[in-house]
Amino acid sequence: MSRRKDRERFMALKGQNSRYRGFRGYYEDNPLQPEPLQAVTCTLCGRRRNVSPEVAQAQPEGYVCLSCREATDGEEPGDSGTPPTG
């Protein structure tokens, strides 16, 4: 869009909603804060993964990452527990 069309669109939306401040939104009072993450090593593949502190505290030594969980879900019960390569 051209700058003129952007400005016209902004003014039209501003006319419908006086609190409209553009594409950045109007929630300045409560900005979204990213959740703090903690590094945990997967017990199967040995990769370090960033997880929420709750997960890290619940599974400090036995954490299995999503990639390994997905790989082991398709295996038969008698299959070996080797980690996926890649």
N, C-alpha and C. Protein backbone atom coordinates (compact mmCIF):
# COMPACT_ATOMS: atom_id res chain seq x y z
N MET A 1 0.83 -1.18 0.00
CA MET A 1 0.00 0.00 0.00
C MET A 1 0.88 1.24 0.00
N SER A 2 0.32 2.27 -0.54
CA SER A 2 1.04 3.54 -0.54
C SER A 2 0.88 4.22 0.81
N ARG A 3 1.70 5.20 1.04
CA ARG A 3 1.64 5.93 2.31
C ARG A 3 0.29 6.63 2.47
N ARG A 4 -0.24 7.17 1.37
CA ARG A 4 -1.54 7.86 1.42
C ARG A 4 -2.64 6.88 1.81
N LYS A 5 -2.63 5.68 1.20
CA LYS A 5 -3.65 4.68 1.53
C LYS A 5 -3.51 4.22 2.98
N ASP A 6 -2.27 4.05 3.42
CA ASP A 6 -2.05 3.68 4.83
C ASP A 6 -2.64 4.72 5.77
N ARG A 7 -2.38 5.99 5.44
CA ARG A 7 -2.88 7.08 6.29
C ARG A 7 -4.40 7.12 6.28
N GLU A 8 -5.02 6.93 5.09
CA GLU A 8 -6.48 6.92 5.00
C GLU A 8 -7.07 5.75 5.80
N ARG A 9 -6.44 4.61 5.70
CA ARG A 9 -6.91 3.44 6.47
C ARG A 9 -6.78 3.68 7.97
N PHE A 10 -5.66 4.26 8.38
CA PHE A 10 -5.45 4.57 9.78
C PHE A 10 -6.53 5.54 10.29
N MET A 11 -6.81 6.57 9.52
CA MET A 11 -7.80 7.56 9.94
C MET A 11 -9.20 6.92 10.00
N ALA A 12 -9.52 6.02 9.07
CA ALA A 12 -10.82 5.36 9.09
C ALA A 12 -10.95 4.48 10.34
N LEU A 13 -9.91 3.73 10.66
CA LEU A 13 -9.95 2.89 11.86
C LEU A 13 -9.95 3.73 13.13
N LYS A 14 -9.24 4.84 13.10
CA LYS A 14 -9.21 5.75 14.25
C LYS A 14 -10.60 6.36 14.47
N GLY A 15 -11.33 6.61 13.37
CA GLY A 15 -12.69 7.15 13.48
C GLY A 15 -13.65 6.14 14.09
N GLN A 16 -13.44 4.85 13.81
CA GLN A 16 -14.29 3.80 14.37
C GLN A 16 -13.97 3.54 15.84
N ASN A 17 -12.69 3.66 16.19
CA ASN A 17 -12.26 3.36 17.55
C ASN A 17 -11.24 4.42 17.95
N SER A 18 -11.60 5.29 18.85
CA SER A 18 -10.72 6.40 19.23
C SER A 18 -9.45 5.92 19.93
N ARG A 19 -9.45 4.70 20.47
CA ARG A 19 -8.27 4.16 21.15
C ARG A 19 -7.29 3.49 20.20
N TYR A 20 -7.66 3.36 18.92
CA TYR A 20 -6.79 2.69 17.95
C TYR A 20 -5.50 3.47 17.75
N ARG A 21 -4.36 2.80 17.88
CA ARG A 21 -3.06 3.46 17.75
C ARG A 21 -2.22 2.87 16.63
N GLY A 22 -2.81 2.08 15.78
CA GLY A 22 -2.07 1.51 14.68
C GLY A 22 -1.76 0.04 14.89
N PHE A 23 -0.90 -0.48 14.07
CA PHE A 23 -0.62 -1.91 14.09
C PHE A 23 0.06 -2.38 15.37
N ARG A 24 0.61 -1.49 16.15
CA ARG A 24 1.27 -1.87 17.40
C ARG A 24 0.29 -2.15 18.52
N GLY A 25 -0.98 -1.85 18.33
CA GLY A 25 -1.98 -2.13 19.34
C GLY A 25 -2.09 -1.01 20.36
N TYR A 26 -2.93 -1.23 21.34
CA TYR A 26 -3.14 -0.21 22.36
C TYR A 26 -3.19 -0.81 23.75
N TYR A 27 -2.33 -1.78 24.00
CA TYR A 27 -2.25 -2.41 25.31
C TYR A 27 -0.93 -2.03 25.98
N GLU A 28 -0.68 -0.75 26.11
CA GLU A 28 0.57 -0.29 26.72
C GLU A 28 0.65 -0.61 28.20
N ASP A 29 -0.50 -0.68 28.87
CA ASP A 29 -0.51 -0.94 30.30
C ASP A 29 -0.04 -2.35 30.63
N ASN A 30 -0.28 -3.29 29.75
CA ASN A 30 0.05 -4.68 30.00
C ASN A 30 0.80 -5.26 28.80
N PRO A 31 2.06 -4.86 28.60
CA PRO A 31 2.81 -5.40 27.47
C PRO A 31 3.10 -6.89 27.69
N LEU A 32 3.14 -7.63 26.62
CA LEU A 32 3.41 -9.05 26.72
C LEU A 32 4.89 -9.27 27.05
N GLN A 33 5.13 -9.92 28.14
CA GLN A 33 6.49 -10.22 28.57
C GLN A 33 6.79 -11.67 28.19
N PRO A 34 7.90 -11.93 27.55
CA PRO A 34 8.24 -13.32 27.24
C PRO A 34 8.51 -14.09 28.53
N GLU A 35 8.08 -15.33 28.53
CA GLU A 35 8.28 -16.17 29.71
C GLU A 35 9.75 -16.51 29.85
N PRO A 36 10.31 -16.41 31.05
CA PRO A 36 11.71 -16.78 31.21
C PRO A 36 11.89 -18.28 30.98
N LEU A 37 12.97 -18.63 30.31
CA LEU A 37 13.23 -20.03 29.99
C LEU A 37 14.49 -20.50 30.69
N GLN A 38 14.57 -21.82 30.86
CA GLN A 38 15.72 -22.41 31.52
C GLN A 38 16.25 -23.53 30.63
N ALA A 39 17.56 -23.64 30.49
CA ALA A 39 18.17 -24.67 29.64
C ALA A 39 18.20 -26.00 30.38
N VAL A 40 17.72 -27.06 29.71
CA VAL A 40 17.72 -28.41 30.26
C VAL A 40 18.25 -29.33 29.16
N THR A 41 19.03 -30.33 29.54
CA THR A 41 19.58 -31.27 28.57
C THR A 41 18.67 -32.49 28.46
N CYS A 42 18.35 -32.86 27.21
CA CYS A 42 17.52 -34.04 26.95
C CYS A 42 18.32 -35.29 27.32
N THR A 43 17.68 -36.24 28.01
CA THR A 43 18.38 -37.45 28.43
C THR A 43 18.60 -38.42 27.29
N LEU A 44 17.83 -38.32 26.21
CA LEU A 44 17.99 -39.25 25.09
C LEU A 44 19.00 -38.76 24.05
N CYS A 45 18.83 -37.54 23.58
CA CYS A 45 19.70 -37.05 22.50
C CYS A 45 20.84 -36.17 22.99
N GLY A 46 20.77 -35.68 24.22
CA GLY A 46 21.83 -34.87 24.78
C GLY A 46 21.81 -33.41 24.35
N ARG A 47 20.77 -32.98 23.62
CA ARG A 47 20.67 -31.59 23.20
C ARG A 47 20.13 -30.73 24.34
N ARG A 48 20.60 -29.49 24.37
CA ARG A 48 20.08 -28.54 25.36
C ARG A 48 18.83 -27.89 24.79
N ARG A 49 17.78 -27.87 25.59
CA ARG A 49 16.51 -27.29 25.18
C ARG A 49 16.10 -26.22 26.18
N ASN A 50 15.50 -25.15 25.67
CA ASN A 50 14.97 -24.10 26.54
C ASN A 50 13.53 -24.44 26.88
N VAL A 51 13.25 -24.60 28.15
CA VAL A 51 11.91 -24.95 28.62
C VAL A 51 11.50 -24.01 29.74
N SER A 52 10.22 -24.01 30.06
CA SER A 52 9.74 -23.17 31.16
C SER A 52 10.30 -23.68 32.48
N PRO A 53 10.43 -22.80 33.45
CA PRO A 53 10.97 -23.22 34.76
C PRO A 53 10.15 -24.32 35.42
N GLU A 54 8.82 -24.33 35.19
CA GLU A 54 7.98 -25.37 35.79
C GLU A 54 8.36 -26.75 35.26
N VAL A 55 8.58 -26.86 33.96
CA VAL A 55 8.98 -28.14 33.36
C VAL A 55 10.37 -28.53 33.84
N ALA A 56 11.27 -27.56 33.92
CA ALA A 56 12.64 -27.84 34.36
C ALA A 56 12.66 -28.34 35.80
N GLN A 57 11.82 -27.80 36.66
CA GLN A 57 11.78 -28.24 38.05
C GLN A 57 11.09 -29.60 38.18
N ALA A 58 10.08 -29.85 37.34
CA ALA A 58 9.35 -31.11 37.42
C ALA A 58 10.18 -32.28 36.90
N GLN A 59 11.02 -32.04 35.91
CA GLN A 59 11.82 -33.10 35.30
C GLN A 59 13.28 -32.68 35.18
N PRO A 60 13.98 -32.47 36.28
CA PRO A 60 15.36 -31.97 36.18
C PRO A 60 16.34 -32.97 35.58
N GLU A 61 16.20 -34.23 35.88
CA GLU A 61 17.15 -35.24 35.40
C GLU A 61 16.57 -36.13 34.31
N GLY A 62 15.25 -36.20 34.19
CA GLY A 62 14.64 -37.11 33.23
C GLY A 62 13.91 -36.42 32.11
N TYR A 63 14.40 -35.27 31.67
CA TYR A 63 13.70 -34.53 30.62
C TYR A 63 13.94 -35.17 29.26
N VAL A 64 12.84 -35.35 28.50
CA VAL A 64 12.90 -35.86 27.13
C VAL A 64 12.27 -34.81 26.23
N CYS A 65 13.03 -34.33 25.24
CA CYS A 65 12.56 -33.25 24.38
C CYS A 65 11.43 -33.73 23.46
N LEU A 66 10.74 -32.79 22.86
CA LEU A 66 9.61 -33.09 22.00
C LEU A 66 10.02 -33.92 20.79
N SER A 67 11.18 -33.64 20.21
CA SER A 67 11.65 -34.41 19.05
C SER A 67 11.84 -35.88 19.42
N CYS A 68 12.42 -36.14 20.56
CA CYS A 68 12.62 -37.53 20.99
C CYS A 68 11.30 -38.19 21.34
N ARG A 69 10.38 -37.43 21.96
CA ARG A 69 9.06 -37.99 22.29
C ARG A 69 8.32 -38.38 21.03
N GLU A 70 8.36 -37.52 20.01
CA GLU A 70 7.69 -37.84 18.75
C GLU A 70 8.31 -39.04 18.08
N ALA A 71 9.63 -39.17 18.15
CA ALA A 71 10.32 -40.29 17.53
C ALA A 71 10.01 -41.60 18.25
N THR A 72 9.87 -41.55 19.57
CA THR A 72 9.62 -42.78 20.32
C THR A 72 8.14 -43.16 20.34
N ASP A 73 7.23 -42.23 20.01
CA ASP A 73 5.81 -42.56 19.98
C ASP A 73 5.49 -43.55 18.87
N GLY A 74 6.21 -43.50 17.77
CA GLY A 74 5.93 -44.38 16.64
C GLY A 74 6.58 -45.74 16.76
N GLU A 75 7.43 -45.94 17.77
CA GLU A 75 8.14 -47.21 17.92
C GLU A 75 7.26 -48.25 18.62
N GLU A 76 7.58 -49.50 18.35
CA GLU A 76 6.92 -50.61 19.03
C GLU A 76 7.53 -50.76 20.43
N PRO A 77 6.81 -51.37 21.36
CA PRO A 77 7.34 -51.52 22.72
C PRO A 77 8.66 -52.27 22.78
N GLY A 78 8.95 -53.15 21.83
CA GLY A 78 10.18 -53.93 21.84
C GLY A 78 11.35 -53.25 21.18
N ASP A 79 11.14 -52.08 20.59
CA ASP A 79 12.21 -51.36 19.91
C ASP A 79 13.25 -50.86 20.90
N SER A 80 14.45 -50.63 20.40
CA SER A 80 15.50 -50.12 21.28
C SER A 80 15.24 -48.65 21.59
N GLY A 81 15.81 -48.18 22.67
CA GLY A 81 15.59 -46.80 23.10
C GLY A 81 16.67 -45.88 22.59
N THR A 82 17.17 -46.07 21.38
CA THR A 82 18.20 -45.20 20.85
C THR A 82 17.59 -43.88 20.42
N PRO A 83 18.31 -42.80 20.62
CA PRO A 83 17.78 -41.48 20.25
C PRO A 83 17.76 -41.31 18.73
N PRO A 84 16.93 -40.42 18.24
CA PRO A 84 16.88 -40.16 16.80
C PRO A 84 18.14 -39.44 16.37
N THR A 85 18.55 -39.69 15.13
CA THR A 85 19.75 -39.03 14.60
C THR A 85 19.31 -37.83 13.79
N GLY A 86 20.18 -36.85 13.70
CA GLY A 86 19.81 -35.71 12.87
C GLY A 86 20.26 -34.48 13.41
